[in-house]
Amino acid sequence: LVINSSLVTREPKRKDVTVVKVAATDIANEMGNVRVANMVALGAVIGSTGVVTAESLLEALRKNLPAHRQNLLPLNKEAIEKGRDAVKK
């Protein structure tokens, strides 16, 4: 369970899940674009689970983003890396 600790302060009641907290909104705001909070959270998922690599995620974005959105790849990459690094500390 990934919790955006910028917005959620309550602790989950369930004890049968792994909880990963990341200040996704705060990190995205520091980057100057709150819209990448989802990518920060996704970075936290890959940083805490290793389910995929950041490189494979970025490759999937490259292949699936429309041409007029390809300019967002560097920002998304930075957000993913910051989310990943935030949970690896």
PDB file of N, CA and C in Angstrom:
ATOM      1  N   LEU A   1       0.854  -1.167   0.000  1.00  0.00           N
ATOM      2  CA  LEU A   1       0.000   0.000   0.000  1.00  0.00           C
ATOM      3  C   LEU A   1       0.899   1.228   0.000  1.00  0.00           C
ATOM      4  N   VAL A   2       0.787   2.038  -1.023  1.00  0.00           N
ATOM      5  CA  VAL A   2       1.565   3.275  -1.098  1.00  0.00           C
ATOM      6  C   VAL A   2       0.687   4.412  -0.593  1.00  0.00           C
ATOM      7  N   ILE A   3       1.184   5.130   0.384  1.00  0.00           N
ATOM      8  CA  ILE A   3       0.456   6.248   0.976  1.00  0.00           C
ATOM      9  C   ILE A   3       1.178   7.541   0.633  1.00  0.00           C
ATOM     10  N   ASN A   4       0.429   8.488   0.092  1.00  0.00           N
ATOM     11  CA  ASN A   4       0.964   9.820  -0.151  1.00  0.00           C
ATOM     12  C   ASN A   4       0.917  10.558   1.184  1.00  0.00           C
ATOM     13  N   SER A   5       2.022  10.555   1.887  1.00  0.00           N
ATOM     14  CA  SER A   5       2.061  11.133   3.232  1.00  0.00           C
ATOM     15  C   SER A   5       1.921  12.652   3.228  1.00  0.00           C
ATOM     16  N   SER A   6       1.971  13.265   2.065  1.00  0.00           N
ATOM     17  CA  SER A   6       1.683  14.695   1.970  1.00  0.00           C
ATOM     18  C   SER A   6       0.206  14.963   2.235  1.00  0.00           C
ATOM     19  N   LEU A   7      -0.627  13.975   1.943  1.00  0.00           N
ATOM     20  CA  LEU A   7      -2.078  14.155   2.031  1.00  0.00           C
ATOM     21  C   LEU A   7      -2.746  13.286   3.085  1.00  0.00           C
ATOM     22  N   VAL A   8      -2.160  12.151   3.391  1.00  0.00           N
ATOM     23  CA  VAL A   8      -2.784  11.187   4.302  1.00  0.00           C
ATOM     24  C   VAL A   8      -1.966  11.112   5.584  1.00  0.00           C
ATOM     25  N   THR A   9      -2.619  11.352   6.699  1.00  0.00           N
ATOM     26  CA  THR A   9      -1.913  11.316   7.980  1.00  0.00           C
ATOM     27  C   THR A   9      -2.324  10.127   8.839  1.00  0.00           C
ATOM     28  N   ARG A  10      -3.441   9.510   8.522  1.00  0.00           N
ATOM     29  CA  ARG A  10      -3.899   8.367   9.320  1.00  0.00           C
ATOM     30  C   ARG A  10      -3.082   7.124   8.988  1.00  0.00           C
ATOM     31  N   GLU A  11      -2.880   6.329   9.996  1.00  0.00           N
ATOM     32  CA  GLU A  11      -2.202   5.051   9.807  1.00  0.00           C
ATOM     33  C   GLU A  11      -3.233   4.022   9.347  1.00  0.00           C
ATOM     34  N   PRO A  12      -2.854   3.147   8.436  1.00  0.00           N
ATOM     35  CA  PRO A  12      -3.796   2.103   8.021  1.00  0.00           C
ATOM     36  C   PRO A  12      -4.070   1.143   9.173  1.00  0.00           C
ATOM     37  N   LYS A  13      -5.280   0.661   9.246  1.00  0.00           N
ATOM     38  CA  LYS A  13      -5.655  -0.272  10.308  1.00  0.00           C
ATOM     39  C   LYS A  13      -5.231  -1.693   9.982  1.00  0.00           C
ATOM     40  N   ARG A  14      -5.153  -2.005   8.712  1.00  0.00           N
ATOM     41  CA  ARG A  14      -4.784  -3.365   8.315  1.00  0.00           C
ATOM     42  C   ARG A  14      -3.322  -3.635   8.633  1.00  0.00           C
ATOM     43  N   LYS A  15      -3.072  -4.817   9.101  1.00  0.00           N
ATOM     44  CA  LYS A  15      -1.706  -5.218   9.445  1.00  0.00           C
ATOM     45  C   LYS A  15      -1.158  -6.253   8.466  1.00  0.00           C
ATOM     46  N   ASP A  16      -1.990  -6.650   7.501  1.00  0.00           N
ATOM     47  CA  ASP A  16      -1.581  -7.701   6.573  1.00  0.00           C
ATOM     48  C   ASP A  16      -1.057  -7.151   5.246  1.00  0.00           C
ATOM     49  N   VAL A  17      -0.731  -5.863   5.218  1.00  0.00           N
ATOM     50  CA  VAL A  17      -0.188  -5.253   4.009  1.00  0.00           C
ATOM     51  C   VAL A  17       1.111  -4.528   4.345  1.00  0.00           C
ATOM     52  N   THR A  18       1.961  -4.417   3.370  1.00  0.00           N
ATOM     53  CA  THR A  18       3.174  -3.625   3.517  1.00  0.00           C
ATOM     54  C   THR A  18       2.829  -2.182   3.183  1.00  0.00           C
ATOM     55  N   VAL A  19       3.195  -1.275   4.060  1.00  0.00           N
ATOM     56  CA  VAL A  19       2.889   0.143   3.875  1.00  0.00           C
ATOM     57  C   VAL A  19       4.163   0.883   3.488  1.00  0.00           C
ATOM     58  N   VAL A  20       4.068   1.645   2.411  1.00  0.00           N
ATOM     59  CA  VAL A  20       5.169   2.488   1.951  1.00  0.00           C
ATOM     60  C   VAL A  20       4.652   3.919   1.935  1.00  0.00           C
ATOM     61  N   LYS A  21       5.321   4.784   2.665  1.00  0.00           N
ATOM     62  CA  LYS A  21       4.919   6.188   2.717  1.00  0.00           C
ATOM     63  C   LYS A  21       5.901   7.027   1.907  1.00  0.00           C
ATOM     64  N   VAL A  22       5.346   7.903   1.089  1.00  0.00           N
ATOM     65  CA  VAL A  22       6.164   8.831   0.321  1.00  0.00           C
ATOM     66  C   VAL A  22       5.407  10.154   0.237  1.00  0.00           C
ATOM     67  N   ALA A  23       6.117  11.240   0.428  1.00  0.00           N
ATOM     68  CA  ALA A  23       5.516  12.577   0.363  1.00  0.00           C
ATOM     69  C   ALA A  23       5.417  13.009  -1.098  1.00  0.00           C
ATOM     70  N   ALA A  24       4.616  12.301  -1.859  1.00  0.00           N
ATOM     71  CA  ALA A  24       4.555  12.479  -3.311  1.00  0.00           C
ATOM     72  C   ALA A  24       4.165  13.894  -3.724  1.00  0.00           C
ATOM     73  N   THR A  25       3.162  14.442  -3.087  1.00  0.00           N
ATOM     74  CA  THR A  25       2.722  15.793  -3.453  1.00  0.00           C
ATOM     75  C   THR A  25       3.787  16.825  -3.112  1.00  0.00           C
ATOM     76  N   ASP A  26       4.405  16.698  -1.951  1.00  0.00           N
ATOM     77  CA  ASP A  26       5.467  17.635  -1.564  1.00  0.00           C
ATOM     78  C   ASP A  26       6.640  17.562  -2.537  1.00  0.00           C
ATOM     79  N   ILE A  27       7.041  16.354  -2.886  1.00  0.00           N
ATOM     80  CA  ILE A  27       8.161  16.178  -3.822  1.00  0.00           C
ATOM     81  C   ILE A  27       7.810  16.777  -5.176  1.00  0.00           C
ATOM     82  N   ALA A  28       6.604  16.503  -5.656  1.00  0.00           N
ATOM     83  CA  ALA A  28       6.170  17.045  -6.950  1.00  0.00           C
ATOM     84  C   ALA A  28       6.130  18.572  -6.915  1.00  0.00           C
ATOM     85  N   ASN A  29       5.640  19.127  -5.821  1.00  0.00           N
ATOM     86  CA  ASN A  29       5.625  20.593  -5.692  1.00  0.00           C
ATOM     87  C   ASN A  29       7.032  21.165  -5.708  1.00  0.00           C
ATOM     88  N   GLU A  30       7.978  20.492  -5.042  1.00  0.00           N
ATOM     89  CA  GLU A  30       9.377  20.940  -5.056  1.00  0.00           C
ATOM     90  C   GLU A  30       9.943  20.916  -6.467  1.00  0.00           C
ATOM     91  N   MET A  31       9.431  19.996  -7.280  1.00  0.00           N
ATOM     92  CA  MET A  31       9.862  19.902  -8.673  1.00  0.00           C
ATOM     93  C   MET A  31       9.189  20.960  -9.542  1.00  0.00           C
ATOM     94  N   GLY A  32       8.169  21.617  -8.991  1.00  0.00           N
ATOM     95  CA  GLY A  32       7.482  22.662  -9.739  1.00  0.00           C
ATOM     96  C   GLY A  32       6.273  22.198 -10.521  1.00  0.00           C
ATOM     97  N   ASN A  33       5.845  20.947 -10.316  1.00  0.00           N
ATOM     98  CA  ASN A  33       4.693  20.440 -11.059  1.00  0.00           C
ATOM     99  C   ASN A  33       3.988  19.358 -10.251  1.00  0.00           C
ATOM    100  N   VAL A  34       2.928  19.744  -9.570  1.00  0.00           N
ATOM    101  CA  VAL A  34       2.197  18.799  -8.717  1.00  0.00           C
ATOM    102  C   VAL A  34       1.614  17.634  -9.516  1.00  0.00           C
ATOM    103  N   ARG A  35       1.492  17.800 -10.817  1.00  0.00           N
ATOM    104  CA  ARG A  35       0.890  16.757 -11.654  1.00  0.00           C
ATOM    105  C   ARG A  35       1.754  15.498 -11.756  1.00  0.00           C
ATOM    106  N   VAL A  36       3.000  15.575 -11.336  1.00  0.00           N
ATOM    107  CA  VAL A  36       3.846  14.379 -11.391  1.00  0.00           C
ATOM    108  C   VAL A  36       3.855  13.617 -10.069  1.00  0.00           C
ATOM    109  N   ALA A  37       2.963  13.975  -9.156  1.00  0.00           N
ATOM    110  CA  ALA A  37       2.887  13.248  -7.880  1.00  0.00           C
ATOM    111  C   ALA A  37       2.624  11.764  -8.117  1.00  0.00           C
ATOM    112  N   ASN A  38       1.846  11.456  -9.148  1.00  0.00           N
ATOM    113  CA  ASN A  38       1.587  10.044  -9.455  1.00  0.00           C
ATOM    114  C   ASN A  38       2.860   9.315  -9.868  1.00  0.00           C
ATOM    115  N   MET A  39       3.741   9.988 -10.565  1.00  0.00           N
ATOM    116  CA  MET A  39       4.995   9.362 -10.974  1.00  0.00           C
ATOM    117  C   MET A  39       5.941   9.212  -9.787  1.00  0.00           C
ATOM    118  N   VAL A  40       5.880  10.145  -8.860  1.00  0.00           N
ATOM    119  CA  VAL A  40       6.655  10.012  -7.623  1.00  0.00           C
ATOM    120  C   VAL A  40       6.181   8.764  -6.880  1.00  0.00           C
ATOM    121  N   ALA A  41       4.868   8.603  -6.775  1.00  0.00           N
ATOM    122  CA  ALA A  41       4.308   7.425  -6.099  1.00  0.00           C
ATOM    123  C   ALA A  41       4.694   6.145  -6.829  1.00  0.00           C
ATOM    124  N   LEU A  42       4.677   6.182  -8.147  1.00  0.00           N
ATOM    125  CA  LEU A  42       5.081   5.003  -8.916  1.00  0.00           C
ATOM    126  C   LEU A  42       6.552   4.685  -8.681  1.00  0.00           C
ATOM    127  N   GLY A  43       7.373   5.710  -8.581  1.00  0.00           N
ATOM    128  CA  GLY A  43       8.777   5.504  -8.242  1.00  0.00           C
ATOM    129  C   GLY A  43       8.936   4.851  -6.881  1.00  0.00           C
ATOM    130  N   ALA A  44       8.072   5.226  -5.934  1.00  0.00           N
ATOM    131  CA  ALA A  44       8.104   4.605  -4.607  1.00  0.00           C
ATOM    132  C   ALA A  44       7.747   3.128  -4.692  1.00  0.00           C
ATOM    133  N   VAL A  45       6.820   2.790  -5.568  1.00  0.00           N
ATOM    134  CA  VAL A  45       6.448   1.380  -5.757  1.00  0.00           C
ATOM    135  C   VAL A  45       7.645   0.588  -6.262  1.00  0.00           C
ATOM    136  N   ILE A  46       8.299   1.083  -7.297  1.00  0.00           N
ATOM    137  CA  ILE A  46       9.421   0.312  -7.839  1.00  0.00           C
ATOM    138  C   ILE A  46      10.612   0.323  -6.893  1.00  0.00           C
ATOM    139  N   GLY A  47      10.769   1.413  -6.139  1.00  0.00           N
ATOM    140  CA  GLY A  47      11.865   1.469  -5.174  1.00  0.00           C
ATOM    141  C   GLY A  47      11.686   0.526  -4.008  1.00  0.00           C
ATOM    142  N   SER A  48      10.455   0.287  -3.628  1.00  0.00           N
ATOM    143  CA  SER A  48      10.197  -0.567  -2.463  1.00  0.00           C
ATOM    144  C   SER A  48       9.965  -2.024  -2.824  1.00  0.00           C
ATOM    145  N   THR A  49       9.628  -2.287  -4.079  1.00  0.00           N
ATOM    146  CA  THR A  49       9.327  -3.673  -4.462  1.00  0.00           C
ATOM    147  C   THR A  49      10.302  -4.259  -5.466  1.00  0.00           C
ATOM    148  N   GLY A  50      10.884  -3.416  -6.306  1.00  0.00           N
ATOM    149  CA  GLY A  50      11.741  -3.919  -7.367  1.00  0.00           C
ATOM    150  C   GLY A  50      10.978  -4.665  -8.444  1.00  0.00           C
ATOM    151  N   VAL A  51       9.660  -4.453  -8.492  1.00  0.00           N
ATOM    152  CA  VAL A  51       8.814  -5.187  -9.426  1.00  0.00           C
ATOM    153  C   VAL A  51       9.224  -4.940 -10.883  1.00  0.00           C
ATOM    154  N   VAL A  52       9.657  -3.737 -11.185  1.00  0.00           N
ATOM    155  CA  VAL A  52      10.226  -3.396 -12.492  1.00  0.00           C
ATOM    156  C   VAL A  52      11.352  -2.404 -12.247  1.00  0.00           C
ATOM    157  N   THR A  53      12.158  -2.185 -13.244  1.00  0.00           N
ATOM    158  CA  THR A  53      13.217  -1.180 -13.126  1.00  0.00           C
ATOM    159  C   THR A  53      12.698   0.169 -13.611  1.00  0.00           C
ATOM    160  N   ALA A  54      13.347   1.220 -13.166  1.00  0.00           N
ATOM    161  CA  ALA A  54      12.996   2.555 -13.649  1.00  0.00           C
ATOM    162  C   ALA A  54      13.195   2.627 -15.156  1.00  0.00           C
ATOM    163  N   GLU A  55      14.214   1.960 -15.649  1.00  0.00           N
ATOM    164  CA  GLU A  55      14.504   1.983 -17.077  1.00  0.00           C
ATOM    165  C   GLU A  55      13.384   1.342 -17.889  1.00  0.00           C
ATOM    166  N   SER A  56      12.862   0.204 -17.418  1.00  0.00           N
ATOM    167  CA  SER A  56      11.782  -0.447 -18.165  1.00  0.00           C
ATOM    168  C   SER A  56      10.500   0.375 -18.096  1.00  0.00           C
ATOM    169  N   LEU A  57      10.269   1.019 -16.976  1.00  0.00           N
ATOM    170  CA  LEU A  57       9.104   1.891 -16.850  1.00  0.00           C
ATOM    171  C   LEU A  57       9.218   3.071 -17.809  1.00  0.00           C
ATOM    172  N   LEU A  58      10.382   3.676 -17.876  1.00  0.00           N
ATOM    173  CA  LEU A  58      10.587   4.804 -18.785  1.00  0.00           C
ATOM    174  C   LEU A  58      10.475   4.377 -20.239  1.00  0.00           C
ATOM    175  N   GLU A  59      10.948   3.188 -20.553  1.00  0.00           N
ATOM    176  CA  GLU A  59      10.818   2.680 -21.919  1.00  0.00           C
ATOM    177  C   GLU A  59       9.349   2.501 -22.279  1.00  0.00           C
ATOM    178  N   ALA A  60       8.560   2.001 -21.342  1.00  0.00           N
ATOM    179  CA  ALA A  60       7.117   1.852 -21.582  1.00  0.00           C
ATOM    180  C   ALA A  60       6.464   3.216 -21.795  1.00  0.00           C
ATOM    181  N   LEU A  61       6.873   4.201 -21.015  1.00  0.00           N
ATOM    182  CA  LEU A  61       6.346   5.554 -21.216  1.00  0.00           C
ATOM    183  C   LEU A  61       6.730   6.084 -22.589  1.00  0.00           C
ATOM    184  N   ARG A  62       7.989   5.897 -22.963  1.00  0.00           N
ATOM    185  CA  ARG A  62       8.475   6.354 -24.268  1.00  0.00           C
ATOM    186  C   ARG A  62       7.629   5.776 -25.397  1.00  0.00           C
ATOM    187  N   LYS A  63       7.322   4.490 -25.277  1.00  0.00           N
ATOM    188  CA  LYS A  63       6.569   3.805 -26.326  1.00  0.00           C
ATOM    189  C   LYS A  63       5.093   4.187 -26.347  1.00  0.00           C
ATOM    190  N   ASN A  64       4.544   4.590 -25.212  1.00  0.00           N
ATOM    191  CA  ASN A  64       3.104   4.793 -25.124  1.00  0.00           C
ATOM    192  C   ASN A  64       2.648   6.242 -25.045  1.00  0.00           C
ATOM    193  N   LEU A  65       3.555   7.149 -24.732  1.00  0.00           N
ATOM    194  CA  LEU A  65       3.163   8.559 -24.712  1.00  0.00           C
ATOM    195  C   LEU A  65       2.986   9.054 -26.143  1.00  0.00           C
ATOM    196  N   PRO A  66       1.940   9.811 -26.400  1.00  0.00           N
ATOM    197  CA  PRO A  66       1.780  10.386 -27.733  1.00  0.00           C
ATOM    198  C   PRO A  66       2.934  11.336 -28.051  1.00  0.00           C
ATOM    199  N   ALA A  67       3.163  11.560 -29.310  1.00  0.00           N
ATOM    200  CA  ALA A  67       4.289  12.390 -29.751  1.00  0.00           C
ATOM    201  C   ALA A  67       4.282  13.766 -29.091  1.00  0.00           C
ATOM    202  N   HIS A  68       3.105  14.349 -28.924  1.00  0.00           N
ATOM    203  CA  HIS A  68       3.050  15.698 -28.353  1.00  0.00           C
ATOM    204  C   HIS A  68       3.279  15.708 -26.841  1.00  0.00           C
ATOM    205  N   ARG A  69       3.466  14.546 -26.223  1.00  0.00           N
ATOM    206  CA  ARG A  69       3.745  14.459 -24.781  1.00  0.00           C
ATOM    207  C   ARG A  69       5.156  13.926 -24.489  1.00  0.00           C
ATOM    208  N   GLN A  70       5.899  13.592 -25.512  1.00  0.00           N
ATOM    209  CA  GLN A  70       7.244  13.050 -25.324  1.00  0.00           C
ATOM    210  C   GLN A  70       8.158  14.027 -24.585  1.00  0.00           C
ATOM    211  N   ASN A  71       7.863  15.315 -24.684  1.00  0.00           N
ATOM    212  CA  ASN A  71       8.680  16.318 -23.992  1.00  0.00           C
ATOM    213  C   ASN A  71       8.575  16.195 -22.472  1.00  0.00           C
ATOM    214  N   LEU A  72       7.593  15.447 -21.975  1.00  0.00           N
ATOM    215  CA  LEU A  72       7.411  15.266 -20.535  1.00  0.00           C
ATOM    216  C   LEU A  72       8.267  14.136 -19.962  1.00  0.00           C
ATOM    217  N   LEU A  73       8.934  13.385 -20.823  1.00  0.00           N
ATOM    218  CA  LEU A  73       9.733  12.248 -20.349  1.00  0.00           C
ATOM    219  C   LEU A  73      10.803  12.637 -19.328  1.00  0.00           C
ATOM    220  N   PRO A  74      11.580  13.688 -19.534  1.00  0.00           N
ATOM    221  CA  PRO A  74      12.593  14.034 -18.526  1.00  0.00           C
ATOM    222  C   PRO A  74      11.981  14.363 -17.157  1.00  0.00           C
ATOM    223  N   LEU A  75      10.865  15.064 -17.150  1.00  0.00           N
ATOM    224  CA  LEU A  75      10.195  15.394 -15.892  1.00  0.00           C
ATOM    225  C   LEU A  75       9.678  14.127 -15.212  1.00  0.00           C
ATOM    226  N   ASN A  76       9.080  13.237 -15.990  1.00  0.00           N
ATOM    227  CA  ASN A  76       8.594  11.976 -15.434  1.00  0.00           C
ATOM    228  C   ASN A  76       9.744  11.124 -14.910  1.00  0.00           C
ATOM    229  N   LYS A  77      10.853  11.113 -15.632  1.00  0.00           N
ATOM    230  CA  LYS A  77      12.020  10.353 -15.185  1.00  0.00           C
ATOM    231  C   LYS A  77      12.516  10.876 -13.840  1.00  0.00           C
ATOM    232  N   GLU A  78      12.616  12.184 -13.724  1.00  0.00           N
ATOM    233  CA  GLU A  78      13.067  12.786 -12.469  1.00  0.00           C
ATOM    234  C   GLU A  78      12.111  12.442 -11.324  1.00  0.00           C
ATOM    235  N   ALA A  79      10.811  12.503 -11.595  1.00  0.00           N
ATOM    236  CA  ALA A  79       9.812  12.206 -10.562  1.00  0.00           C
ATOM    237  C   ALA A  79       9.903  10.750 -10.117  1.00  0.00           C
ATOM    238  N   ILE A  80      10.057   9.848 -11.064  1.00  0.00           N
ATOM    239  CA  ILE A  80      10.190   8.421 -10.736  1.00  0.00           C
ATOM    240  C   ILE A  80      11.435   8.198  -9.881  1.00  0.00           C
ATOM    241  N   GLU A  81      12.536   8.801 -10.281  1.00  0.00           N
ATOM    242  CA  GLU A  81      13.786   8.639  -9.532  1.00  0.00           C
ATOM    243  C   GLU A  81      13.677   9.216  -8.123  1.00  0.00           C
ATOM    244  N   LYS A  82      13.027  10.360  -7.983  1.00  0.00           N
ATOM    245  CA  LYS A  82      12.874  10.968  -6.654  1.00  0.00           C
ATOM    246  C   LYS A  82      11.988  10.105  -5.759  1.00  0.00           C
ATOM    247  N   GLY A  83      10.938   9.538  -6.314  1.00  0.00           N
ATOM    248  CA  GLY A  83      10.083   8.642  -5.534  1.00  0.00           C
ATOM    249  C   GLY A  83      10.817   7.383  -5.125  1.00  0.00           C
ATOM    250  N   ARG A  84      11.571   6.831  -6.061  1.00  0.00           N
ATOM    251  CA  ARG A  84      12.372   5.636  -5.775  1.00  0.00           C
ATOM    252  C   ARG A  84      13.391   5.923  -4.680  1.00  0.00           C
ATOM    253  N   ASP A  85      14.091   7.038  -4.813  1.00  0.00           N
ATOM    254  CA  ASP A  85      15.119   7.389  -3.839  1.00  0.00           C
ATOM    255  C   ASP A  85      14.529   7.709  -2.466  1.00  0.00           C
ATOM    256  N   ALA A  86      13.336   8.266  -2.439  1.00  0.00           N
ATOM    257  CA  ALA A  86      12.706   8.638  -1.166  1.00  0.00           C
ATOM    258  C   ALA A  86      12.422   7.426  -0.289  1.00  0.00           C
ATOM    259  N   VAL A  87      12.145   6.297  -0.886  1.00  0.00           N
ATOM    260  CA  VAL A  87      11.838   5.106  -0.078  1.00  0.00           C
ATOM    261  C   VAL A  87      13.066   4.237   0.150  1.00  0.00           C
ATOM    262  N   LYS A  88      14.158   4.538  -0.519  1.00  0.00           N
ATOM    263  CA  LYS A  88      15.386   3.754  -0.340  1.00  0.00           C
ATOM    264  C   LYS A  88      16.285   4.335   0.736  1.00  0.00           C
ATOM    265  N   LYS A  89      15.923   5.477   1.297  1.00  0.00           N
ATOM    266  CA  LYS A  89      16.757   6.132   2.314  1.00  0.00           C
ATOM    267  C   LYS A  89      16.776   5.345   3.597  1.00  0.00           C
TER     268      LYS A  89
END
